[in-house]
N, C-alpha and C. Protein backbone atom coordinates (compact mmCIF):
# COMPACT_ATOMS: atom_id res chain seq x y z
N MET A 1 0.66 -0.94 0.04
CA MET A 1 -0.03 0.47 -0.30
C MET A 1 0.90 1.28 0.28
N ALA A 2 1.61 1.21 0.66
CA ALA A 2 3.07 2.11 1.16
C ALA A 2 3.23 2.66 -0.39
N SER A 3 3.68 1.72 -0.97
CA SER A 3 4.98 1.67 -2.59
C SER A 3 3.53 1.91 -3.70
N VAL A 4 1.95 1.85 -3.54
CA VAL A 4 1.23 2.94 -4.42
C VAL A 4 0.94 3.98 -3.74
N LEU A 5 0.78 4.39 -2.63
CA LEU A 5 0.60 5.69 -2.22
C LEU A 5 1.94 6.67 -2.55
N ALA A 6 2.95 5.98 -2.70
CA ALA A 6 4.94 6.54 -2.97
C ALA A 6 4.38 6.74 -4.85
N TRP A 7 4.22 5.94 -5.57
CA TRP A 7 4.02 6.05 -6.56
C TRP A 7 3.10 7.33 -7.35
N ILE A 8 1.66 6.86 -6.47
CA ILE A 8 0.72 8.41 -6.98
C ILE A 8 1.27 9.40 -6.95
N SER A 9 1.64 9.73 -5.57
CA SER A 9 2.30 11.14 -5.22
C SER A 9 3.71 12.05 -6.19
N GLY A 10 4.48 10.03 -6.62
CA GLY A 10 5.13 10.86 -7.46
C GLY A 10 4.82 10.96 -8.94
N SER A 11 4.01 10.12 -9.00
CA SER A 11 3.22 10.27 -10.67
C SER A 11 3.15 11.57 -11.32
N GLY A 12 2.41 12.76 -9.99
CA GLY A 12 1.89 13.51 -10.65
C GLY A 12 0.76 13.61 -10.90
N VAL A 13 0.09 12.83 -10.19
CA VAL A 13 -1.63 12.76 -10.59
C VAL A 13 -2.17 13.72 -9.28
N VAL A 14 -1.98 13.25 -8.08
CA VAL A 14 -2.43 14.14 -6.87
C VAL A 14 -2.01 15.77 -7.35
N GLN A 15 -0.81 16.34 -8.23
CA GLN A 15 -0.92 17.55 -8.17
C GLN A 15 -1.46 17.69 -9.22
N GLY A 16 -1.60 17.37 -10.20
CA GLY A 16 -2.57 17.18 -11.08
C GLY A 16 -3.67 17.91 -10.88
N VAL A 17 -4.20 17.02 -9.80
CA VAL A 17 -5.86 16.79 -9.29
C VAL A 17 -5.85 18.12 -8.74
N ILE A 18 -5.12 18.33 -7.70
CA ILE A 18 -5.10 20.04 -7.22
C ILE A 18 -5.16 20.86 -8.04
N ILE A 19 -4.26 20.89 -9.27
CA ILE A 19 -4.24 22.01 -9.72
C ILE A 19 -5.28 22.08 -10.82
N GLY A 20 -5.98 21.18 -10.81
CA GLY A 20 -7.51 21.16 -12.03
C GLY A 20 -8.43 21.42 -11.15
N ALA A 21 -8.41 21.10 -9.83
CA ALA A 21 -9.81 21.42 -9.38
C ALA A 21 -9.54 22.83 -8.48
N ALA A 22 -8.12 23.49 -8.52
CA ALA A 22 -8.01 24.75 -8.01
C ALA A 22 -8.67 25.75 -9.89
N LEU A 23 -7.96 25.47 -10.67
CA LEU A 23 -8.09 25.98 -11.70
C LEU A 23 -10.10 25.91 -12.44
N ALA A 24 -10.94 24.72 -11.68
CA ALA A 24 -12.30 24.73 -11.95
C ALA A 24 -12.60 25.48 -11.03
N PHE A 25 -11.83 25.60 -9.70
CA PHE A 25 -12.84 26.35 -9.09
C PHE A 25 -12.86 28.27 -9.41
N LEU A 26 -11.66 28.43 -9.89
CA LEU A 26 -11.15 29.63 -10.30
C LEU A 26 -12.30 29.88 -11.71
N THR A 27 -12.46 29.11 -12.43
CA THR A 27 -12.81 29.28 -13.12
C THR A 27 -14.47 29.77 -13.03
N ALA A 28 -15.14 29.35 -12.06
CA ALA A 28 -16.43 28.81 -11.60
C ALA A 28 -16.70 30.29 -11.09
N ILE A 29 -15.84 30.89 -10.37
CA ILE A 29 -16.03 32.17 -9.74
C ILE A 29 -16.30 33.66 -10.77
N VAL A 30 -15.09 33.44 -11.33
CA VAL A 30 -14.93 34.19 -12.91
C VAL A 30 -16.48 33.72 -13.90
N VAL A 31 -17.32 33.22 -13.85
CA VAL A 31 -18.07 32.97 -14.71
C VAL A 31 -19.09 33.20 -14.02
N MET A 32 -19.30 33.03 -12.35
CA MET A 32 -20.37 33.33 -11.02
C MET A 32 -20.11 35.19 -11.68
N ASN A 33 -19.50 35.43 -11.64
CA ASN A 33 -19.07 36.88 -11.38
C ASN A 33 -19.71 37.40 -12.82
N ALA A 34 -19.29 36.68 -14.02
CA ALA A 34 -19.17 37.47 -14.96
C ALA A 34 -21.50 37.63 -15.40
N VAL A 35 -22.07 36.29 -14.86
CA VAL A 35 -23.23 35.86 -15.13
C VAL A 35 -23.77 37.11 -13.98
N GLY A 36 -23.17 37.30 -12.52
CA GLY A 36 -23.65 38.43 -11.50
C GLY A 36 -23.91 39.17 -12.08
N ARG A 37 -23.25 39.90 -13.24
CA ARG A 37 -23.01 41.29 -13.29
C ARG A 37 -24.46 41.83 -14.44
N THR A 38 -24.47 40.36 -14.94
CA THR A 38 -25.65 40.43 -16.14
C THR A 38 -27.35 40.41 -15.40
N ILE A 39 -27.46 39.72 -14.22
CA ILE A 39 -28.41 39.77 -13.48
C ILE A 39 -28.58 41.15 -12.95
N ALA A 40 -27.80 41.63 -12.29
CA ALA A 40 -27.93 42.93 -11.40
C ALA A 40 -28.06 44.21 -12.05
N THR A 41 -28.68 44.88 -11.36
CA THR A 41 -29.35 46.01 -11.25
C THR A 41 -28.16 47.42 -10.96
N THR A 42 -27.76 48.04 -10.85
CA THR A 42 -27.41 49.22 -10.46
C THR A 42 -28.12 50.73 -10.55
N THR A 43 -28.90 51.14 -9.86
CA THR A 43 -29.21 52.87 -9.49
C THR A 43 -28.77 53.31 -8.25
N ASN A 44 -27.99 54.76 -8.41
CA ASN A 44 -27.36 55.14 -7.64
C ASN A 44 -26.53 54.54 -6.73
N GLY A 45 -25.97 53.33 -7.41
CA GLY A 45 -24.42 52.95 -7.19
C GLY A 45 -25.13 51.87 -6.03
N TRP A 46 -26.18 51.61 -6.08
CA TRP A 46 -27.16 50.47 -5.34
C TRP A 46 -27.16 49.33 -6.40
N ASN A 47 -26.79 48.40 -5.50
CA ASN A 47 -26.91 46.60 -6.70
C ASN A 47 -28.55 45.66 -6.52
N SER A 48 -28.85 44.89 -6.95
CA SER A 48 -30.10 44.60 -6.76
C SER A 48 -30.28 43.37 -7.50
N VAL A 49 -30.95 42.53 -7.55
CA VAL A 49 -31.05 41.22 -8.22
C VAL A 49 -32.18 40.89 -8.26
N VAL A 50 -33.09 41.31 -8.75
CA VAL A 50 -34.48 40.74 -9.01
C VAL A 50 -35.17 39.34 -9.10
N THR A 51 -34.32 38.49 -9.87
CA THR A 51 -34.47 37.34 -10.38
C THR A 51 -33.79 36.24 -9.11
N VAL A 52 -33.43 36.41 -8.26
CA VAL A 52 -33.46 35.72 -6.95
C VAL A 52 -34.07 34.54 -6.97
N GLU A 53 -34.01 33.30 -7.13
CA GLU A 53 -34.96 32.00 -6.68
C GLU A 53 -35.91 31.82 -7.97
N GLN A 54 -35.74 32.61 -8.97
CA GLN A 54 -36.65 32.64 -9.63
C GLN A 54 -37.52 30.96 -10.38
N PRO A 55 -38.65 30.66 -10.61
CA PRO A 55 -38.96 29.52 -11.44
C PRO A 55 -37.67 29.41 -12.70
N GLY A 56 -37.50 28.89 -13.49
CA GLY A 56 -36.70 28.69 -14.98
C GLY A 56 -35.19 29.60 -14.90
N ASN A 57 -35.09 29.84 -13.27
CA ASN A 57 -33.81 30.50 -13.99
C ASN A 57 -32.44 29.24 -13.85
N GLY A 58 -31.75 29.35 -14.61
CA GLY A 58 -30.56 28.36 -15.42
C GLY A 58 -29.55 27.92 -14.08
N ILE A 59 -28.47 26.88 -14.12
CA ILE A 59 -28.16 26.99 -13.13
C ILE A 59 -27.30 27.93 -12.68
N LEU A 60 -26.73 27.91 -13.79
CA LEU A 60 -25.99 29.86 -13.87
C LEU A 60 -26.27 30.57 -13.52
N VAL A 61 -27.15 30.97 -13.06
CA VAL A 61 -27.78 32.51 -13.15
C VAL A 61 -28.39 32.03 -11.66
N ARG A 62 -29.03 30.66 -11.20
CA ARG A 62 -29.34 30.06 -10.03
C ARG A 62 -27.78 30.30 -8.66
N ALA A 63 -26.56 29.96 -9.44
CA ALA A 63 -25.18 30.03 -8.94
C ALA A 63 -24.99 31.30 -8.98
N ALA A 64 -25.01 32.23 -9.67
CA ALA A 64 -24.70 34.01 -9.32
C ALA A 64 -24.53 34.15 -8.51
N ALA A 65 -26.41 34.30 -8.38
CA ALA A 65 -27.33 34.90 -7.22
C ALA A 65 -26.93 34.61 -6.04
N ALA A 66 -26.76 33.02 -6.22
CA ALA A 66 -26.62 32.64 -4.52
C ALA A 66 -24.88 32.23 -3.91
N LYS A 67 -24.65 32.85 -4.79
CA LYS A 67 -23.23 33.64 -4.83
C LYS A 67 -23.19 35.05 -4.40
N ALA A 68 -23.77 36.15 -5.06
CA ALA A 68 -24.13 37.56 -4.44
C ALA A 68 -25.39 37.62 -3.05
N LEU A 69 -26.03 37.00 -2.96
CA LEU A 69 -27.31 37.03 -1.33
C LEU A 69 -27.78 35.43 -1.55
N PRO A 70 -26.65 35.28 -1.00
CA PRO A 70 -26.70 33.35 -0.29
C PRO A 70 -27.91 33.89 0.66
N ALA A 71 -29.00 32.35 0.36
CA ALA A 71 -30.18 32.16 1.35
C ALA A 71 -31.09 33.53 1.58
N VAL A 72 -31.46 34.03 0.08
CA VAL A 72 -32.14 35.25 0.30
C VAL A 72 -33.58 34.48 -0.04
N ASN A 73 -34.65 35.00 0.04
CA ASN A 73 -36.06 35.21 -0.62
C ASN A 73 -36.31 35.73 -1.42
N VAL A 74 -37.31 35.26 -2.48
CA VAL A 74 -37.65 35.79 -3.81
C VAL A 74 -38.24 36.90 -3.83
N PHE A 75 -37.80 38.17 -4.82
CA PHE A 75 -37.72 39.13 -4.60
C PHE A 75 -39.55 39.55 -4.00
N GLU A 76 -40.12 39.03 -4.58
CA GLU A 76 -41.41 39.72 -4.01
C GLU A 76 -42.06 39.24 -2.69
N GLU A 77 -40.64 38.90 -1.42
CA GLU A 77 -40.61 38.19 0.17
C GLU A 77 -40.13 39.50 -0.02
N ALA A 78 -38.67 39.56 -0.38
CA ALA A 78 -37.84 40.45 0.22
C ALA A 78 -37.11 41.09 -0.95
N ALA A 79 -36.55 42.16 -1.07
CA ALA A 79 -35.71 43.03 -2.53
C ALA A 79 -34.65 43.10 -1.29
N TYR A 80 -33.85 43.19 -2.11
CA TYR A 80 -31.98 43.66 -1.41
C TYR A 80 -31.46 44.46 -2.11
N TRP A 81 -31.05 45.37 -1.39
CA TRP A 81 -30.12 46.44 -2.14
C TRP A 81 -28.49 45.72 -1.56
N THR A 82 -27.90 46.47 -2.27
CA THR A 82 -26.19 46.06 -1.28
C THR A 82 -25.23 47.21 -2.28
N THR A 83 -24.57 47.90 -1.27
CA THR A 83 -23.86 48.95 -1.67
C THR A 83 -22.25 48.65 -1.00
N THR A 84 -21.21 49.26 -2.02
CA THR A 84 -19.79 49.09 -1.28
C THR A 84 -18.79 50.45 -1.80
N ARG A 85 -19.86 51.75 -2.17
CA ARG A 85 -19.50 52.78 -3.17
C ARG A 85 -20.74 53.52 -2.97
N ASP A 86 -20.05 55.34 -2.69
CA ASP A 86 -20.79 56.09 -2.60
C ASP A 86 -21.95 56.57 -4.17
N GLY A 87 -22.37 57.49 -4.26
CA GLY A 87 -22.86 58.16 -5.67
C GLY A 87 -22.06 58.59 -6.27
N ALA A 88 -21.18 58.58 -6.22
CA ALA A 88 -19.98 59.38 -6.90
C ALA A 88 -18.68 57.93 -7.40
N GLY A 89 -19.39 57.10 -7.21
CA GLY A 89 -18.48 55.84 -7.47
C GLY A 89 -17.40 55.15 -7.11
N ILE A 90 -17.09 56.30 -5.96
CA ILE A 90 -15.65 56.27 -4.74
C ILE A 90 -16.34 54.71 -3.96
N THR A 91 -15.17 54.06 -3.27
CA THR A 91 -15.81 52.98 -2.56
C THR A 91 -15.56 53.94 -1.30
N LEU A 92 -16.78 52.86 -0.28
CA LEU A 92 -16.77 53.78 0.97
C LEU A 92 -15.74 53.52 1.83
N SER A 93 -15.25 53.88 3.13
CA SER A 93 -14.44 53.70 3.64
C SER A 93 -14.61 54.49 5.17
N GLY A 94 -14.11 53.87 6.30
CA GLY A 94 -14.56 54.46 7.19
C GLY A 94 -13.18 55.99 7.61
N ALA A 95 -12.99 55.57 6.58
CA ALA A 95 -11.84 57.21 6.55
C ALA A 95 -12.69 58.23 5.99
N HIS A 96 -13.59 58.74 5.98
CA HIS A 96 -14.51 59.64 5.57
C HIS A 96 -15.93 59.08 6.08
N GLU A 97 -16.79 60.53 5.99
CA GLU A 97 -18.41 60.30 6.51
C GLU A 97 -18.81 60.52 5.22
N TYR A 98 -20.00 60.31 5.28
CA TYR A 98 -21.39 60.19 4.13
C TYR A 98 -21.99 60.26 4.60
N VAL A 99 -23.61 60.69 3.91
CA VAL A 99 -24.61 60.82 4.74
C VAL A 99 -25.47 59.96 3.60
N LEU A 100 -26.68 59.51 4.10
CA LEU A 100 -27.93 58.76 3.03
C LEU A 100 -29.24 59.52 3.86
N ARG A 101 -29.21 60.10 2.70
CA ARG A 101 -30.62 61.31 2.98
C ARG A 101 -31.68 60.24 2.03
N PHE A 102 -32.83 59.85 3.39
CA PHE A 102 -34.13 59.66 2.37
C PHE A 102 -35.26 60.49 2.44
N PRO A 103 -35.67 61.39 0.85
CA PRO A 103 -36.68 62.08 0.52
C PRO A 103 -38.15 61.78 1.99
N ALA A 104 -38.56 62.81 2.24
CA ALA A 104 -39.73 62.54 3.26
C ALA A 104 -40.94 61.61 2.26
N GLY A 105 -41.31 60.65 2.77
CA GLY A 105 -41.91 59.31 2.64
C GLY A 105 -40.94 58.83 1.15
N GLN A 106 -40.14 58.38 1.45
CA GLN A 106 -39.22 57.89 0.76
C GLN A 106 -38.53 56.96 1.22
N LEU A 107 -38.66 56.19 2.24
CA LEU A 107 -38.28 54.99 2.94
C LEU A 107 -38.99 53.70 2.17
N PRO A 108 -38.14 53.09 1.97
CA PRO A 108 -38.39 51.83 1.10
C PRO A 108 -39.56 50.89 1.24
N PRO A 109 -40.86 51.41 0.98
CA PRO A 109 -42.11 50.60 1.00
C PRO A 109 -41.84 49.27 1.03
N ASN A 110 -43.13 49.36 2.11
CA ASN A 110 -43.20 47.46 2.48
C ASN A 110 -44.08 47.19 3.39
N ASP A 111 -45.08 46.19 3.51
CA ASP A 111 -45.87 45.19 4.51
C ASP A 111 -45.32 44.83 5.20
N ALA A 112 -44.29 45.33 5.30
CA ALA A 112 -43.77 43.93 6.95
C ALA A 112 -42.50 45.29 7.56
N PHE A 113 -41.41 45.04 7.11
CA PHE A 113 -40.05 46.18 7.53
C PHE A 113 -39.22 45.76 6.28
N TRP A 114 -38.44 47.49 6.75
CA TRP A 114 -37.25 47.89 6.26
C TRP A 114 -36.15 47.56 7.01
N SER A 115 -34.82 47.37 6.62
CA SER A 115 -33.66 47.50 7.72
C SER A 115 -32.48 47.94 6.79
N LEU A 116 -31.36 48.40 7.61
CA LEU A 116 -30.13 48.92 6.75
C LEU A 116 -29.02 48.58 7.70
N THR A 117 -28.34 48.01 7.33
CA THR A 117 -27.15 47.64 8.14
C THR A 117 -25.70 47.35 7.24
N VAL A 118 -24.59 48.21 8.12
CA VAL A 118 -23.19 48.09 8.04
C VAL A 118 -22.57 46.48 8.30
N THR A 119 -21.99 45.99 7.20
CA THR A 119 -20.84 45.19 7.76
C THR A 119 -19.05 45.51 6.61
N ASP A 120 -18.74 44.71 6.78
CA ASP A 120 -17.27 44.90 6.44
C ASP A 120 -17.88 44.07 4.98
N VAL A 121 -17.14 44.29 3.81
CA VAL A 121 -16.92 44.32 2.54
C VAL A 121 -17.27 42.83 2.19
N VAL A 122 -17.53 41.29 3.04
CA VAL A 122 -17.82 40.34 2.75
C VAL A 122 -19.36 40.41 3.07
N GLY A 123 -19.33 40.73 4.62
CA GLY A 123 -20.87 40.81 4.66
C GLY A 123 -21.06 40.65 5.77
N TYR A 124 -20.15 40.53 6.64
CA TYR A 124 -19.74 39.81 8.47
C TYR A 124 -20.30 41.51 9.02
N MET A 125 -20.63 41.11 10.44
CA MET A 125 -21.18 42.23 11.12
C MET A 125 -19.66 42.44 12.02
N VAL A 126 -19.99 44.25 12.26
CA VAL A 126 -18.29 44.90 12.63
C VAL A 126 -18.48 45.13 14.24
N SER A 127 -18.25 45.44 14.56
CA SER A 127 -18.16 45.88 16.47
C SER A 127 -18.23 47.36 16.07
N THR A 128 -18.97 48.04 16.82
CA THR A 128 -18.88 49.08 16.87
C THR A 128 -18.85 49.82 18.38
N PRO A 129 -18.60 51.13 18.05
CA PRO A 129 -18.75 52.05 19.46
C PRO A 129 -19.61 52.15 20.28
N ILE A 130 -20.88 51.73 19.96
CA ILE A 130 -22.58 51.85 20.25
C ILE A 130 -23.28 50.44 20.38
N GLY A 131 -22.79 49.90 19.82
CA GLY A 131 -23.00 48.50 19.56
C GLY A 131 -24.34 48.14 18.90
N ARG A 132 -24.56 49.51 17.70
CA ARG A 132 -25.31 49.40 16.25
C ARG A 132 -25.22 49.45 15.43
N SER A 133 -25.59 48.64 14.89
CA SER A 133 -24.67 48.19 13.43
C SER A 133 -26.08 48.37 12.27
N SER A 134 -27.21 48.47 12.65
CA SER A 134 -28.44 49.03 11.97
C SER A 134 -29.31 49.74 12.29
N PHE A 135 -30.62 50.11 11.23
CA PHE A 135 -31.41 50.88 12.08
C PHE A 135 -32.85 49.90 10.42
N ASN A 136 -33.95 50.17 11.81
CA ASN A 136 -35.10 49.41 10.63
C ASN A 136 -36.30 50.27 10.91
N ASP A 137 -37.26 49.56 10.83
CA ASP A 137 -38.75 50.70 10.86
C ASP A 137 -39.30 50.83 12.21
N ARG A 138 -38.76 50.11 13.20
CA ARG A 138 -39.06 50.68 14.40
C ARG A 138 -38.02 52.16 14.84
N SER A 139 -36.17 51.96 14.14
CA SER A 139 -35.84 52.86 14.43
C SER A 139 -36.35 54.09 15.46
N ASP A 140 -35.63 55.05 16.21
CA ASP A 140 -36.85 56.52 16.60
C ASP A 140 -35.45 57.43 15.66
N LEU A 141 -35.91 57.44 13.91
CA LEU A 141 -34.76 58.26 13.28
C LEU A 141 -35.52 59.84 13.70
N ALA A 142 -34.57 60.46 13.97
CA ALA A 142 -34.93 62.18 13.83
C ALA A 142 -35.15 62.72 12.39
N ARG A 143 -36.15 63.09 12.34
CA ARG A 143 -36.47 63.95 10.59
C ARG A 143 -36.15 65.16 10.71
N ASN A 144 -35.75 65.62 9.90
CA ASN A 144 -36.02 66.75 8.99
C ASN A 144 -36.61 67.91 9.04
N ALA A 145 -36.43 69.24 8.61
CA ALA A 145 -37.87 70.16 8.81
C ALA A 145 -38.91 69.75 7.86
N ASP A 146 -37.86 69.26 6.52
CA ASP A 146 -38.55 68.94 5.60
C ASP A 146 -39.76 67.59 5.40
N GLY A 147 -39.32 66.62 6.56
CA GLY A 147 -39.87 65.62 6.53
C GLY A 147 -38.60 64.37 5.86
N SER A 148 -37.52 64.55 5.46
CA SER A 148 -36.55 63.86 4.93
C SER A 148 -36.24 63.40 6.28
N ILE A 149 -34.86 62.25 6.02
CA ILE A 149 -34.14 61.99 7.20
C ILE A 149 -32.89 61.11 6.50
N ASP A 150 -31.99 61.92 7.47
CA ASP A 150 -30.13 61.70 7.35
C ASP A 150 -30.25 60.62 7.91
N ILE A 151 -29.33 59.74 7.73
CA ILE A 151 -28.44 58.41 8.25
C ILE A 151 -27.01 58.62 8.23
N LEU A 152 -26.59 58.97 8.75
CA LEU A 152 -25.16 59.71 9.61
C LEU A 152 -24.31 58.30 9.41
N LEU A 153 -23.40 57.76 8.23
CA LEU A 153 -22.57 56.62 8.39
C LEU A 153 -21.31 57.58 8.59
N GLN A 154 -20.25 56.70 9.66
CA GLN A 154 -19.20 57.80 9.90
C GLN A 154 -18.35 56.87 10.99
N ARG A 155 -17.60 56.48 11.27
CA ARG A 155 -16.65 56.05 12.32
C ARG A 155 -16.84 57.09 13.19
N ASP A 156 -16.54 57.64 13.77
CA ASP A 156 -16.68 58.71 15.15
C ASP A 156 -18.03 59.54 15.09
N SER A 157 -18.68 59.63 16.40
CA SER A 157 -19.64 60.13 16.87
C SER A 157 -19.80 61.71 16.69
N PRO A 158 -21.12 61.76 16.11
CA PRO A 158 -21.25 63.47 15.30
C PRO A 158 -22.09 63.85 16.51
N PRO A 159 -21.37 65.02 16.69
CA PRO A 159 -22.07 65.70 18.06
C PRO A 159 -23.63 65.84 18.17
N GLY A 160 -24.32 65.61 18.82
CA GLY A 160 -26.01 66.29 18.35
C GLY A 160 -26.42 65.37 17.72
N HIS A 161 -26.10 64.26 17.40
CA HIS A 161 -26.56 63.57 16.09
C HIS A 161 -26.73 62.35 16.27
N GLU A 162 -26.78 61.67 17.06
CA GLU A 162 -26.24 60.24 17.43
C GLU A 162 -27.01 59.60 17.43
N GLN A 163 -28.95 60.15 17.25
CA GLN A 163 -29.90 59.51 16.76
C GLN A 163 -29.92 58.87 15.59
N ASN A 164 -29.89 59.48 14.72
CA ASN A 164 -29.21 59.05 13.58
C ASN A 164 -28.03 58.00 12.54
N TRP A 165 -27.03 57.84 13.93
CA TRP A 165 -26.18 57.50 13.47
C TRP A 165 -25.29 56.00 13.45
N LEU A 166 -24.82 55.50 12.42
CA LEU A 166 -24.30 54.03 12.41
C LEU A 166 -23.19 54.29 12.37
N SER A 167 -22.51 53.38 13.24
CA SER A 167 -20.99 53.70 12.74
C SER A 167 -20.54 52.73 12.31
N THR A 168 -19.28 53.07 11.24
CA THR A 168 -18.73 52.48 10.44
C THR A 168 -17.17 52.12 10.84
N PRO A 169 -16.75 50.90 10.21
CA PRO A 169 -15.46 50.12 10.15
C PRO A 169 -14.70 51.08 9.83
N GLU A 170 -13.26 50.60 10.51
CA GLU A 170 -12.39 51.85 10.06
C GLU A 170 -11.52 51.82 8.90
N GLY A 171 -12.11 50.21 7.61
CA GLY A 171 -11.86 50.18 6.79
C GLY A 171 -12.90 50.27 5.33
N LYS A 172 -12.69 49.72 4.43
CA LYS A 172 -13.94 49.67 3.05
C LYS A 172 -14.64 48.32 4.22
N PHE A 173 -16.28 49.37 3.60
CA PHE A 173 -17.19 48.40 4.60
C PHE A 173 -18.63 48.68 3.17
N LYS A 174 -19.55 47.83 3.49
CA LYS A 174 -20.64 47.51 2.36
C LYS A 174 -21.70 47.84 3.52
N LEU A 175 -22.78 48.31 2.50
CA LEU A 175 -24.19 48.78 2.91
C LEU A 175 -25.32 47.63 2.14
N THR A 176 -26.16 47.16 3.29
CA THR A 176 -27.13 46.41 2.62
C THR A 176 -28.73 47.13 3.45
N LEU A 177 -29.51 47.02 2.34
CA LEU A 177 -30.60 47.47 2.93
C LEU A 177 -31.87 46.21 2.72
N ARG A 178 -32.71 46.45 3.35
CA ARG A 178 -33.87 45.19 2.90
C ARG A 178 -35.18 45.80 3.74
N ALA A 179 -36.02 45.54 2.27
CA ALA A 179 -37.67 45.69 2.56
C ALA A 179 -38.01 44.00 2.28
N TYR A 180 -39.13 43.79 3.65
CA TYR A 180 -39.86 42.63 3.64
C TYR A 180 -41.06 43.24 3.22
N LEU A 181 -41.16 41.58 2.22
CA LEU A 181 -43.12 42.03 1.87
C LEU A 181 -42.79 43.75 1.01
N PRO A 182 -41.66 43.99 0.29
CA PRO A 182 -41.95 45.11 -0.82
C PRO A 182 -43.18 45.91 -1.21
N GLY A 183 -43.38 47.01 -1.40
CA GLY A 183 -43.99 47.87 -1.90
C GLY A 183 -44.32 47.74 -3.34
N ALA A 184 -45.66 48.01 -3.91
CA ALA A 184 -45.78 48.03 -5.39
C ALA A 184 -44.46 49.14 -5.97
N ALA A 185 -44.76 50.06 -5.41
CA ALA A 185 -43.16 50.98 -5.92
C ALA A 185 -41.69 50.30 -6.13
N ILE A 186 -41.81 49.43 -5.64
CA ILE A 186 -40.06 48.18 -6.05
C ILE A 186 -40.39 47.15 -6.71
N LEU A 187 -41.78 46.82 -6.83
CA LEU A 187 -42.31 45.30 -7.46
C LEU A 187 -42.06 45.96 -8.56
N ASP A 188 -42.29 47.05 -8.82
CA ASP A 188 -42.74 47.29 -10.56
C ASP A 188 -41.22 48.60 -10.73
N GLY A 189 -40.29 48.54 -10.11
CA GLY A 189 -39.38 49.54 -10.10
C GLY A 189 -39.02 50.61 -10.07
N THR A 190 -40.92 51.32 -9.84
CA THR A 190 -40.17 52.42 -10.09
C THR A 190 -39.52 53.51 -8.55
N TYR A 191 -39.36 52.35 -7.01
CA TYR A 191 -38.59 53.36 -6.50
C TYR A 191 -36.81 53.07 -6.48
N ARG A 192 -36.49 53.58 -6.03
CA ARG A 192 -35.27 54.55 -6.59
C ARG A 192 -33.94 54.38 -4.78
N VAL A 193 -33.27 53.42 -4.41
CA VAL A 193 -32.78 54.07 -3.48
C VAL A 193 -31.69 55.20 -3.30
N PRO A 194 -31.81 56.48 -2.43
CA PRO A 194 -30.61 57.35 -2.43
C PRO A 194 -29.40 57.12 -2.56
N PRO A 195 -28.93 57.84 -3.28
CA PRO A 195 -27.15 57.46 -3.12
C PRO A 195 -26.81 57.81 -2.06
N VAL A 196 -25.61 56.98 -1.61
CA VAL A 196 -24.50 57.37 -0.36
C VAL A 196 -24.11 58.46 -0.78
N GLU A 197 -23.74 59.56 -0.26
CA GLU A 197 -23.41 60.82 -0.26
C GLU A 197 -22.18 61.19 0.67
N ARG A 198 -21.06 61.51 0.06
CA ARG A 198 -19.74 61.83 1.30
C ARG A 198 -19.82 62.99 1.83
N ALA A 199 -19.63 62.95 2.59
CA ALA A 199 -20.26 64.80 3.48
C ALA A 199 -19.14 65.63 3.41
N HIS A 200 -17.85 64.90 3.69
CA HIS A 200 -17.20 66.07 3.60
C HIS A 200 -15.65 65.42 2.53
């Protein structure tokens, strides 16, 4: 048995299998990323995929959707938007301060609830000095005089505006906005998530 294993390891079979598996994996990632770009829509810097879990999706579309948004519901049950860039297309970073302004009456329409979460670029929650990394429809957000809502995204506390503050990590980060049982304006594509604007 030892001689067989020695022959296999010396014959290049094992190396060939490892190299082949690595190349197959990398090829699959490239293909899924390419397909993912074809099924995603981007508006104001926010990406969304409305074809998640749709009947009739081919295997590549299903794989790309699962890679982009693992373990999600169909769009009619939950709409998801993600971004790692501000409205100018520049990568989000804790080195800067940002504002996400929802005009009056323009929070994501839904028949259940909405949430906005700050994560690292992979999607993992990050520790924050205030112990809060998300807002939702139950959050007590202060409104501006015109009824709009400013969500402040920055590393350090904004004096006097902590009520609407989500702390960001030091490096790059991602925002995920969800609307469960999305309203008609989301389903018909007329709703637009506002861009994330750099404050300074």
